[in-house]
Protein backbone atom coordinates (compact mmCIF):
# COMPACT_ATOMS: atom_id res chain seq x y z
CA MET A 1 32.33 75.65 57.49
CA ALA A 2 30.83 76.81 54.24
CA LEU A 3 27.63 77.01 52.29
CA TYR A 4 28.46 75.64 48.86
CA GLN A 5 26.52 76.53 45.72
CA MET A 6 25.16 73.50 43.86
CA CYS A 7 25.12 73.97 40.09
CA SER A 8 24.45 71.97 36.95
CA VAL A 9 25.13 72.51 33.25
CA LEU A 10 22.19 71.96 30.91
CA ASP A 11 22.92 70.50 27.46
CA MET A 12 20.01 71.98 25.50
CA VAL A 13 20.53 69.65 22.53
CA ALA A 14 20.50 66.48 24.65
CA GLN A 15 17.84 68.07 26.90
CA GLN A 16 19.73 66.80 29.93
CA TYR A 17 21.30 68.36 33.01
CA GLY A 18 24.81 67.28 33.91
CA ARG A 19 25.83 65.85 37.26
CA PRO A 20 25.62 68.62 39.88
CA PHE A 21 28.84 70.17 41.13
CA PHE A 22 29.64 72.37 44.10
CA ALA A 23 31.35 75.76 44.11
CA VAL A 24 32.29 78.10 46.95
CA SER A 25 30.31 80.93 45.32
CA GLU A 26 28.15 81.64 42.29
CA GLY A 27 31.01 83.71 40.88
CA SER A 28 33.45 80.82 41.08
CA ALA A 29 30.91 78.53 39.38
CA ILE A 30 30.50 81.04 36.55
CA ARG A 31 34.29 81.40 36.26
CA GLY A 32 34.74 77.62 35.98
CA PHE A 33 31.99 77.38 33.35
CA SER A 34 33.54 80.29 31.44
CA ASP A 35 36.95 78.59 31.55
CA GLU A 36 35.44 75.43 30.08
CA VAL A 37 33.55 77.33 27.35
CA ASN A 38 36.63 79.32 26.35
CA ARG A 39 39.29 76.61 26.74
CA PRO A 40 40.77 75.79 23.34
CA SER A 41 39.95 72.09 23.27
CA GLU A 42 37.86 69.46 21.59
CA SER A 43 35.34 69.35 24.47
CA VAL A 44 31.70 69.51 23.45
CA ILE A 45 31.15 72.62 25.62
CA SER A 46 34.08 74.41 24.02
CA GLN A 47 33.01 73.41 20.51
CA HIS A 48 29.28 74.21 20.97
CA PRO A 49 28.96 76.90 23.67
CA ASN A 50 25.53 78.02 22.44
CA ASP A 51 24.14 74.61 23.42
CA PHE A 52 24.96 74.93 27.15
CA GLN A 53 23.63 76.89 30.11
CA LEU A 54 24.73 77.02 33.76
CA PHE A 55 22.02 76.67 36.42
CA HIS A 56 22.00 77.14 40.19
CA VAL A 57 20.05 74.27 41.77
CA GLY A 58 20.59 74.73 45.51
CA THR A 59 23.08 74.82 48.36
CA PHE A 60 25.00 72.35 50.51
CA ASP A 61 25.95 73.16 54.09
CA ASP A 62 29.17 71.29 54.91
CA GLU A 63 28.63 71.71 58.66
CA SER A 64 25.10 70.28 58.92
CA CYS A 65 25.18 68.13 55.74
CA VAL A 66 21.89 69.75 54.68
CA ILE A 67 21.09 70.17 51.00
CA SER A 68 18.54 72.87 50.18
CA LEU A 69 17.11 72.77 46.67
CA ASN A 70 15.67 75.71 44.77
CA SER A 71 12.00 75.32 43.85
CA ALA A 72 13.25 75.29 40.23
CA PRO A 73 16.71 75.53 38.64
CA ARG A 74 17.75 79.20 38.20
CA LEU A 75 19.65 80.20 35.07
CA MET A 76 22.98 81.81 35.96
CA ILE A 77 24.55 82.30 32.52
CA SER A 78 24.64 80.75 29.06
CA GLY A 79 27.65 79.63 27.09
CA ALA A 80 26.72 82.11 24.36
CA GLN A 81 26.94 84.99 26.87
CA ILE A 82 30.48 84.19 27.96
CA LYS A 83 32.08 82.89 24.78
CA VAL A 84 35.07 85.04 23.90
CA ASN A 85 35.68 85.38 20.18
CA GLN A 86 39.15 84.20 19.29
CA PRO A 87 41.19 85.62 16.41
CA GLY A 88 40.02 83.91 13.25
CA ASP A 89 36.53 83.09 14.58
CA LEU A 90 33.73 83.79 12.12
CA GLN A 91 31.55 86.70 13.17
CA ALA A 92 27.77 86.28 12.94
């Protein structure tokens, strides 16, 4: 029995939210987003972290199957806030 956090990543360039995903806590959602932003890969989030933001959109109760939505998406963190500069990155 758990109350999962429902989150979505906003692509500010496309002006579109991604498919919602569920995390056991807000902290674990932020950690997963941070991993994706900082993973050395060719993913669009990794290549353009300033274009993405993580939002909390509601909760899902796995015992009652009830989804509760926030009145509006709540910003949790932006890609720019959690991007870790790697050696060789240009500094602004």
